[in-house]
């Protein structure tokens, strides 16, 4: 990367209010270090304590999703983390502030009320894509009261694990994120089908506004 390219990268980060970005291997130590860094950044940011608390909770949920559900690395790429017996996953996560424009139109009301954005991405196995998309579409279609009700119901859903072998926690992670978000979750799954990609993985991206 040239100095001018780095300057462009920094300008883009500032334009998007970037507070924290990490890409690479996820493990419990990395998540803890990133969480501590986020706490320090949020201490100097405007916004209610409630919004910051929701943002931090969402950060933990998204980071844990990468850790537990990202498609595993090939053995040749796992490196020292695999040798140490730690969970091996790769992904990216970013957090930023939102500077809402004055007089935002009604259609942008939810986004205008949000103080922060948070997004993450990781590889997922292609055979899991339909199930993942279905779960997120179901959550996106819910009203806020419905999300709260579904969250309470899933707390007591002890049979979920027997019917869904690609997610633990009875889907509580997505419901927790959606409950704290100020707008429906946004997601994109890049499958590479336009390039006749035969790789076993797709790339999953998800974003929440807090």
C-alpha atoms as a PDB file:
ATOM      1  CA  UNK A   1       0.000   0.000   0.000  1.00  0.00           C
ATOM      2  CA  UNK A   2       1.384   3.371  -1.025  1.00  0.00           C
ATOM      3  CA  UNK A   3       1.245   6.451   1.249  1.00  0.00           C
ATOM      4  CA  UNK A   4      -1.446   7.978  -0.974  1.00  0.00           C
ATOM      5  CA  UNK A   5      -3.512   4.792  -0.784  1.00  0.00           C
ATOM      6  CA  UNK A   6      -3.169   4.803   2.993  1.00  0.00           C
ATOM      7  CA  UNK A   7      -4.269   8.454   3.064  1.00  0.00           C
ATOM      8  CA  UNK A   8      -7.354   7.475   1.047  1.00  0.00           C
ATOM      9  CA  UNK A   9      -8.049   4.606   3.435  1.00  0.00           C
ATOM     10  CA  UNK A  10      -7.816   6.945   6.421  1.00  0.00           C
ATOM     11  CA  UNK A  11     -10.109   9.482   4.735  1.00  0.00           C
ATOM     12  CA  UNK A  12     -12.698   6.760   4.096  1.00  0.00           C
ATOM     13  CA  UNK A  13     -12.455   5.632   7.716  1.00  0.00           C
ATOM     14  CA  UNK A  14     -13.028   9.172   8.954  1.00  0.00           C
ATOM     15  CA  UNK A  15     -15.895   9.698   6.498  1.00  0.00           C
ATOM     16  CA  UNK A  16     -17.632   6.610   7.875  1.00  0.00           C
ATOM     17  CA  UNK A  17     -16.966   7.524  11.507  1.00  0.00           C
ATOM     18  CA  UNK A  18     -14.853   4.418  12.041  1.00  0.00           C
ATOM     19  CA  UNK A  19     -14.041   3.807  15.710  1.00  0.00           C
ATOM     20  CA  UNK A  20     -12.661   0.271  15.532  1.00  0.00           C
ATOM     21  CA  UNK A  21     -11.785  -2.214  12.806  1.00  0.00           C
ATOM     22  CA  UNK A  22     -10.202  -5.635  13.057  1.00  0.00           C
ATOM     23  CA  UNK A  23      -9.665  -8.335  10.443  1.00  0.00           C
ATOM     24  CA  UNK A  24      -7.911 -11.630  10.996  1.00  0.00           C
ATOM     25  CA  UNK A  25      -8.061 -14.607  13.311  1.00  0.00           C
ATOM     26  CA  UNK A  26     -10.736 -14.534  16.020  1.00  0.00           C
ATOM     27  CA  UNK A  27     -10.148 -16.227  19.361  1.00  0.00           C
ATOM     28  CA  UNK A  28     -11.206 -15.388  22.933  1.00  0.00           C
ATOM     29  CA  UNK A  29      -8.068 -13.324  23.590  1.00  0.00           C
ATOM     30  CA  UNK A  30      -8.535 -11.254  20.430  1.00  0.00           C
ATOM     31  CA  UNK A  31     -12.194 -10.611  21.244  1.00  0.00           C
ATOM     32  CA  UNK A  32     -11.317  -9.510  24.781  1.00  0.00           C
ATOM     33  CA  UNK A  33      -8.608  -7.137  23.546  1.00  0.00           C
ATOM     34  CA  UNK A  34     -10.912  -5.649  20.911  1.00  0.00           C
ATOM     35  CA  UNK A  35     -13.718  -5.280  23.463  1.00  0.00           C
ATOM     36  CA  UNK A  36     -11.390  -3.423  25.837  1.00  0.00           C
ATOM     37  CA  UNK A  37     -10.334  -1.118  23.001  1.00  0.00           C
ATOM     38  CA  UNK A  38     -13.955  -0.435  22.083  1.00  0.00           C
ATOM     39  CA  UNK A  39     -14.760   0.462  25.686  1.00  0.00           C
ATOM     40  CA  UNK A  40     -11.972   3.042  25.666  1.00  0.00           C
ATOM     41  CA  UNK A  41     -13.155   4.536  22.372  1.00  0.00           C
ATOM     42  CA  UNK A  42     -16.770   4.743  23.530  1.00  0.00           C
ATOM     43  CA  UNK A  43     -15.783   6.556  26.720  1.00  0.00           C
ATOM     44  CA  UNK A  44     -14.992   9.671  24.675  1.00  0.00           C
ATOM     45  CA  UNK A  45     -17.968   9.398  22.299  1.00  0.00           C
ATOM     46  CA  UNK A  46     -21.272  11.227  22.489  1.00  0.00           C
ATOM     47  CA  UNK A  47     -24.369   9.123  22.947  1.00  0.00           C
ATOM     48  CA  UNK A  48     -26.446   7.759  25.776  1.00  0.00           C
ATOM     49  CA  UNK A  49     -25.129   5.099  28.103  1.00  0.00           C
ATOM     50  CA  UNK A  50     -27.991   2.901  26.876  1.00  0.00           C
ATOM     51  CA  UNK A  51     -26.854   3.175  23.233  1.00  0.00           C
ATOM     52  CA  UNK A  52     -23.262   2.437  24.194  1.00  0.00           C
ATOM     53  CA  UNK A  53     -24.328  -0.557  26.269  1.00  0.00           C
ATOM     54  CA  UNK A  54     -26.375  -1.933  23.371  1.00  0.00           C
ATOM     55  CA  UNK A  55     -23.484  -1.353  20.978  1.00  0.00           C
ATOM     56  CA  UNK A  56     -21.053  -3.184  23.233  1.00  0.00           C
ATOM     57  CA  UNK A  57     -23.485  -6.099  23.638  1.00  0.00           C
ATOM     58  CA  UNK A  58     -23.924  -6.272  19.859  1.00  0.00           C
ATOM     59  CA  UNK A  59     -20.160  -6.215  19.365  1.00  0.00           C
ATOM     60  CA  UNK A  60     -19.759  -9.212  21.665  1.00  0.00           C
ATOM     61  CA  UNK A  61     -22.586 -11.113  19.941  1.00  0.00           C
ATOM     62  CA  UNK A  62     -21.177 -10.478  16.464  1.00  0.00           C
ATOM     63  CA  UNK A  63     -17.628 -11.364  17.482  1.00  0.00           C
ATOM     64  CA  UNK A  64     -18.869 -14.572  19.099  1.00  0.00           C
ATOM     65  CA  UNK A  65     -20.777 -15.385  15.904  1.00  0.00           C
ATOM     66  CA  UNK A  66     -17.538 -15.147  13.932  1.00  0.00           C
ATOM     67  CA  UNK A  67     -15.703 -17.246  16.503  1.00  0.00           C
ATOM     68  CA  UNK A  68     -18.282 -20.030  16.651  1.00  0.00           C
ATOM     69  CA  UNK A  69     -19.872 -20.072  13.200  1.00  0.00           C
ATOM     70  CA  UNK A  70     -17.234 -18.981  10.682  1.00  0.00           C
ATOM     71  CA  UNK A  71     -16.238 -21.771   8.320  1.00  0.00           C
ATOM     72  CA  UNK A  72     -13.022 -23.335   9.688  1.00  0.00           C
ATOM     73  CA  UNK A  73      -9.682 -22.388   8.204  1.00  0.00           C
ATOM     74  CA  UNK A  74      -7.786 -24.846   6.036  1.00  0.00           C
ATOM     75  CA  UNK A  75      -5.163 -26.653   8.093  1.00  0.00           C
ATOM     76  CA  UNK A  76      -2.361 -24.872   6.225  1.00  0.00           C
ATOM     77  CA  UNK A  77      -3.734 -21.463   7.271  1.00  0.00           C
ATOM     78  CA  UNK A  78      -4.637 -22.214  10.872  1.00  0.00           C
ATOM     79  CA  UNK A  79      -1.152 -21.563  12.214  1.00  0.00           C
ATOM     80  CA  UNK A  80      -0.251 -21.326  15.846  1.00  0.00           C
ATOM     81  CA  UNK A  81      -3.827 -20.900  17.075  1.00  0.00           C
ATOM     82  CA  UNK A  82      -4.711 -24.388  15.900  1.00  0.00           C
ATOM     83  CA  UNK A  83      -1.518 -25.782  17.427  1.00  0.00           C
ATOM     84  CA  UNK A  84      -2.583 -24.286  20.754  1.00  0.00           C
ATOM     85  CA  UNK A  85      -5.983 -25.956  20.507  1.00  0.00           C
ATOM     86  CA  UNK A  86      -7.881 -22.655  20.359  1.00  0.00           C
ATOM     87  CA  UNK A  87     -10.962 -22.072  18.192  1.00  0.00           C
ATOM     88  CA  UNK A  88      -9.770 -21.019  14.735  1.00  0.00           C
ATOM     89  CA  UNK A  89     -11.914 -18.618  12.749  1.00  0.00           C
ATOM     90  CA  UNK A  90     -11.256 -15.668  10.487  1.00  0.00           C
ATOM     91  CA  UNK A  91     -13.419 -12.653   9.912  1.00  0.00           C
ATOM     92  CA  UNK A  92     -13.680  -8.899  10.182  1.00  0.00           C
ATOM     93  CA  UNK A  93     -15.600  -6.526  12.432  1.00  0.00           C
ATOM     94  CA  UNK A  94     -15.992  -2.761  12.396  1.00  0.00           C
ATOM     95  CA  UNK A  95     -17.734  -0.153  14.542  1.00  0.00           C
ATOM     96  CA  UNK A  96     -18.411   3.491  13.732  1.00  0.00           C
ATOM     97  CA  UNK A  97     -20.407   6.537  14.703  1.00  0.00           C
ATOM     98  CA  UNK A  98     -23.300   7.959  12.702  1.00  0.00           C
ATOM     99  CA  UNK A  99     -23.557  11.711  12.240  1.00  0.00           C
ATOM    100  CA  UNK A 100     -27.207  12.066  11.253  1.00  0.00           C
ATOM    101  CA  UNK A 101     -27.872  14.916   8.803  1.00  0.00           C
ATOM    102  CA  UNK A 102     -30.168  17.678   9.978  1.00  0.00           C
ATOM    103  CA  UNK A 103     -33.706  17.403   8.666  1.00  0.00           C
ATOM    104  CA  UNK A 104     -33.390  13.815   7.550  1.00  0.00           C
ATOM    105  CA  UNK A 105     -36.516  12.650   5.645  1.00  0.00           C
ATOM    106  CA  UNK A 106     -39.010  10.417   7.411  1.00  0.00           C
ATOM    107  CA  UNK A 107     -37.858   7.394   5.421  1.00  0.00           C
ATOM    108  CA  UNK A 108     -34.479   7.750   7.122  1.00  0.00           C
ATOM    109  CA  UNK A 109     -35.913   8.277  10.609  1.00  0.00           C
ATOM    110  CA  UNK A 110     -34.616   5.018  12.044  1.00  0.00           C
ATOM    111  CA  UNK A 111     -31.129   5.599  10.721  1.00  0.00           C
ATOM    112  CA  UNK A 112     -31.191   9.253  11.805  1.00  0.00           C
ATOM    113  CA  UNK A 113     -31.968   8.151  15.361  1.00  0.00           C
ATOM    114  CA  UNK A 114     -29.115   5.669  15.406  1.00  0.00           C
ATOM    115  CA  UNK A 115     -25.833   6.747  16.962  1.00  0.00           C
ATOM    116  CA  UNK A 116     -23.597   3.892  15.827  1.00  0.00           C
ATOM    117  CA  UNK A 117     -23.210   1.234  13.149  1.00  0.00           C
ATOM    118  CA  UNK A 118     -21.551  -2.152  13.551  1.00  0.00           C
ATOM    119  CA  UNK A 119     -20.804  -4.731  10.875  1.00  0.00           C
ATOM    120  CA  UNK A 120     -18.978  -8.027  10.605  1.00  0.00           C
ATOM    121  CA  UNK A 121     -18.159 -10.615   7.974  1.00  0.00           C
ATOM    122  CA  UNK A 122     -16.894 -14.179   7.830  1.00  0.00           C
ATOM    123  CA  UNK A 123     -16.882 -17.239   5.607  1.00  0.00           C
ATOM    124  CA  UNK A 124     -19.772 -19.689   5.901  1.00  0.00           C
ATOM    125  CA  UNK A 125     -20.276 -23.063   4.284  1.00  0.00           C
ATOM    126  CA  UNK A 126     -22.450 -22.880   1.189  1.00  0.00           C
ATOM    127  CA  UNK A 127     -24.839 -25.552   2.413  1.00  0.00           C
ATOM    128  CA  UNK A 128     -25.615 -23.363   5.427  1.00  0.00           C
ATOM    129  CA  UNK A 129     -26.524 -20.277   3.363  1.00  0.00           C
ATOM    130  CA  UNK A 130     -30.263 -21.027   2.862  1.00  0.00           C
ATOM    131  CA  UNK A 131     -30.792 -21.725   6.569  1.00  0.00           C
ATOM    132  CA  UNK A 132     -28.838 -18.619   7.608  1.00  0.00           C
ATOM    133  CA  UNK A 133     -30.746 -16.415   5.169  1.00  0.00           C
ATOM    134  CA  UNK A 134     -34.081 -17.843   6.317  1.00  0.00           C
ATOM    135  CA  UNK A 135     -33.294 -17.132   9.973  1.00  0.00           C
ATOM    136  CA  UNK A 136     -32.247 -13.546   9.253  1.00  0.00           C
ATOM    137  CA  UNK A 137     -35.213 -12.894   6.958  1.00  0.00           C
ATOM    138  CA  UNK A 138     -37.536 -14.124   9.697  1.00  0.00           C
ATOM    139  CA  UNK A 139     -35.966 -11.766  12.236  1.00  0.00           C
ATOM    140  CA  UNK A 140     -35.994  -8.851   9.774  1.00  0.00           C
ATOM    141  CA  UNK A 141     -39.730  -9.330   9.199  1.00  0.00           C
ATOM    142  CA  UNK A 142     -40.556  -9.027  12.914  1.00  0.00           C
ATOM    143  CA  UNK A 143     -41.728  -5.886  14.664  1.00  0.00           C
ATOM    144  CA  UNK A 144     -39.871  -4.839  17.790  1.00  0.00           C
ATOM    145  CA  UNK A 145     -42.553  -6.316  20.110  1.00  0.00           C
ATOM    146  CA  UNK A 146     -42.418  -9.554  18.108  1.00  0.00           C
ATOM    147  CA  UNK A 147     -38.633  -9.679  18.466  1.00  0.00           C
ATOM    148  CA  UNK A 148     -38.950  -9.294  22.234  1.00  0.00           C
ATOM    149  CA  UNK A 149     -41.582 -12.041  22.392  1.00  0.00           C
ATOM    150  CA  UNK A 150     -39.485 -14.376  20.228  1.00  0.00           C
ATOM    151  CA  UNK A 151     -36.457 -13.729  22.428  1.00  0.00           C
ATOM    152  CA  UNK A 152     -38.390 -14.739  25.543  1.00  0.00           C
ATOM    153  CA  UNK A 153     -39.765 -17.823  23.801  1.00  0.00           C
ATOM    154  CA  UNK A 154     -36.320 -18.938  22.634  1.00  0.00           C
ATOM    155  CA  UNK A 155     -34.965 -18.673  26.174  1.00  0.00           C
ATOM    156  CA  UNK A 156     -37.176 -21.646  27.019  1.00  0.00           C
ATOM    157  CA  UNK A 157     -36.767 -23.531  23.724  1.00  0.00           C
ATOM    158  CA  UNK A 158     -34.731 -26.522  24.893  1.00  0.00           C
ATOM    159  CA  UNK A 159     -35.434 -28.541  21.713  1.00  0.00           C
ATOM    160  CA  UNK A 160     -33.833 -26.073  19.302  1.00  0.00           C
ATOM    161  CA  UNK A 161     -30.422 -27.740  19.276  1.00  0.00           C
ATOM    162  CA  UNK A 162     -31.898 -31.042  18.127  1.00  0.00           C
ATOM    163  CA  UNK A 163     -33.381 -29.483  14.982  1.00  0.00           C
ATOM    164  CA  UNK A 164     -30.682 -26.960  14.026  1.00  0.00           C
ATOM    165  CA  UNK A 165     -27.100 -28.199  13.849  1.00  0.00           C
ATOM    166  CA  UNK A 166     -25.554 -24.977  12.515  1.00  0.00           C
ATOM    167  CA  UNK A 167     -26.323 -22.593  15.368  1.00  0.00           C
ATOM    168  CA  UNK A 168     -26.118 -22.822  19.114  1.00  0.00           C
ATOM    169  CA  UNK A 169     -27.904 -20.645  21.678  1.00  0.00           C
ATOM    170  CA  UNK A 170     -31.384 -21.178  20.143  1.00  0.00           C
ATOM    171  CA  UNK A 171     -30.889 -18.204  17.800  1.00  0.00           C
ATOM    172  CA  UNK A 172     -30.734 -15.870  20.777  1.00  0.00           C
ATOM    173  CA  UNK A 173     -27.737 -14.073  19.302  1.00  0.00           C
ATOM    174  CA  UNK A 174     -29.627 -12.714  16.289  1.00  0.00           C
ATOM    175  CA  UNK A 175     -32.659 -11.889  18.406  1.00  0.00           C
ATOM    176  CA  UNK A 176     -30.451 -10.071  20.925  1.00  0.00           C
ATOM    177  CA  UNK A 177     -28.850  -8.023  18.159  1.00  0.00           C
ATOM    178  CA  UNK A 178     -32.214  -7.256  16.535  1.00  0.00           C
ATOM    179  CA  UNK A 179     -33.738  -6.323  19.888  1.00  0.00           C
ATOM    180  CA  UNK A 180     -31.039  -3.706  20.484  1.00  0.00           C
ATOM    181  CA  UNK A 181     -30.957  -2.373  16.909  1.00  0.00           C
ATOM    182  CA  UNK A 182     -32.847   0.752  15.848  1.00  0.00           C
ATOM    183  CA  UNK A 183     -33.638  -0.629  12.373  1.00  0.00           C
ATOM    184  CA  UNK A 184     -33.924  -4.059  10.725  1.00  0.00           C
ATOM    185  CA  UNK A 185     -30.636  -5.901  10.356  1.00  0.00           C
ATOM    186  CA  UNK A 186     -28.955  -5.647   6.959  1.00  0.00           C
ATOM    187  CA  UNK A 187     -27.096  -8.583   5.452  1.00  0.00           C
ATOM    188  CA  UNK A 188     -25.455  -9.768   2.261  1.00  0.00           C
ATOM    189  CA  UNK A 189     -24.124 -13.200   1.330  1.00  0.00           C
ATOM    190  CA  UNK A 190     -21.564 -13.289  -1.486  1.00  0.00           C
ATOM    191  CA  UNK A 191     -21.590 -16.736  -3.057  1.00  0.00           C
ATOM    192  CA  UNK A 192     -19.430 -16.069  -6.098  1.00  0.00           C
ATOM    193  CA  UNK A 193     -21.951 -17.779  -8.351  1.00  0.00           C
ATOM    194  CA  UNK A 194     -21.331 -15.226 -11.105  1.00  0.00           C
ATOM    195  CA  UNK A 195     -17.790 -16.591 -11.389  1.00  0.00           C
ATOM    196  CA  UNK A 196     -18.891 -20.252 -11.292  1.00  0.00           C
ATOM    197  CA  UNK A 197     -17.058 -20.523  -7.980  1.00  0.00           C
ATOM    198  CA  UNK A 198     -16.877 -24.099  -6.753  1.00  0.00           C
ATOM    199  CA  UNK A 199     -15.291 -23.260  -3.387  1.00  0.00           C
ATOM    200  CA  UNK A 200     -17.185 -24.647  -0.377  1.00  0.00           C
ATOM    201  CA  UNK A 201     -17.498 -21.218   1.241  1.00  0.00           C
ATOM    202  CA  UNK A 202     -19.576 -18.077   0.812  1.00  0.00           C
ATOM    203  CA  UNK A 203     -18.886 -14.761   2.559  1.00  0.00           C
ATOM    204  CA  UNK A 204     -21.511 -13.488   4.996  1.00  0.00           C
ATOM    205  CA  UNK A 205     -21.824  -9.782   5.892  1.00  0.00           C
ATOM    206  CA  UNK A 206     -24.225  -8.339   8.466  1.00  0.00           C
ATOM    207  CA  UNK A 207     -24.773  -4.799   9.765  1.00  0.00           C
ATOM    208  CA  UNK A 208     -26.789  -3.302  12.620  1.00  0.00           C
ATOM    209  CA  UNK A 209     -27.631   0.276  13.543  1.00  0.00           C
ATOM    210  CA  UNK A 210     -27.707   1.117  17.242  1.00  0.00           C
END
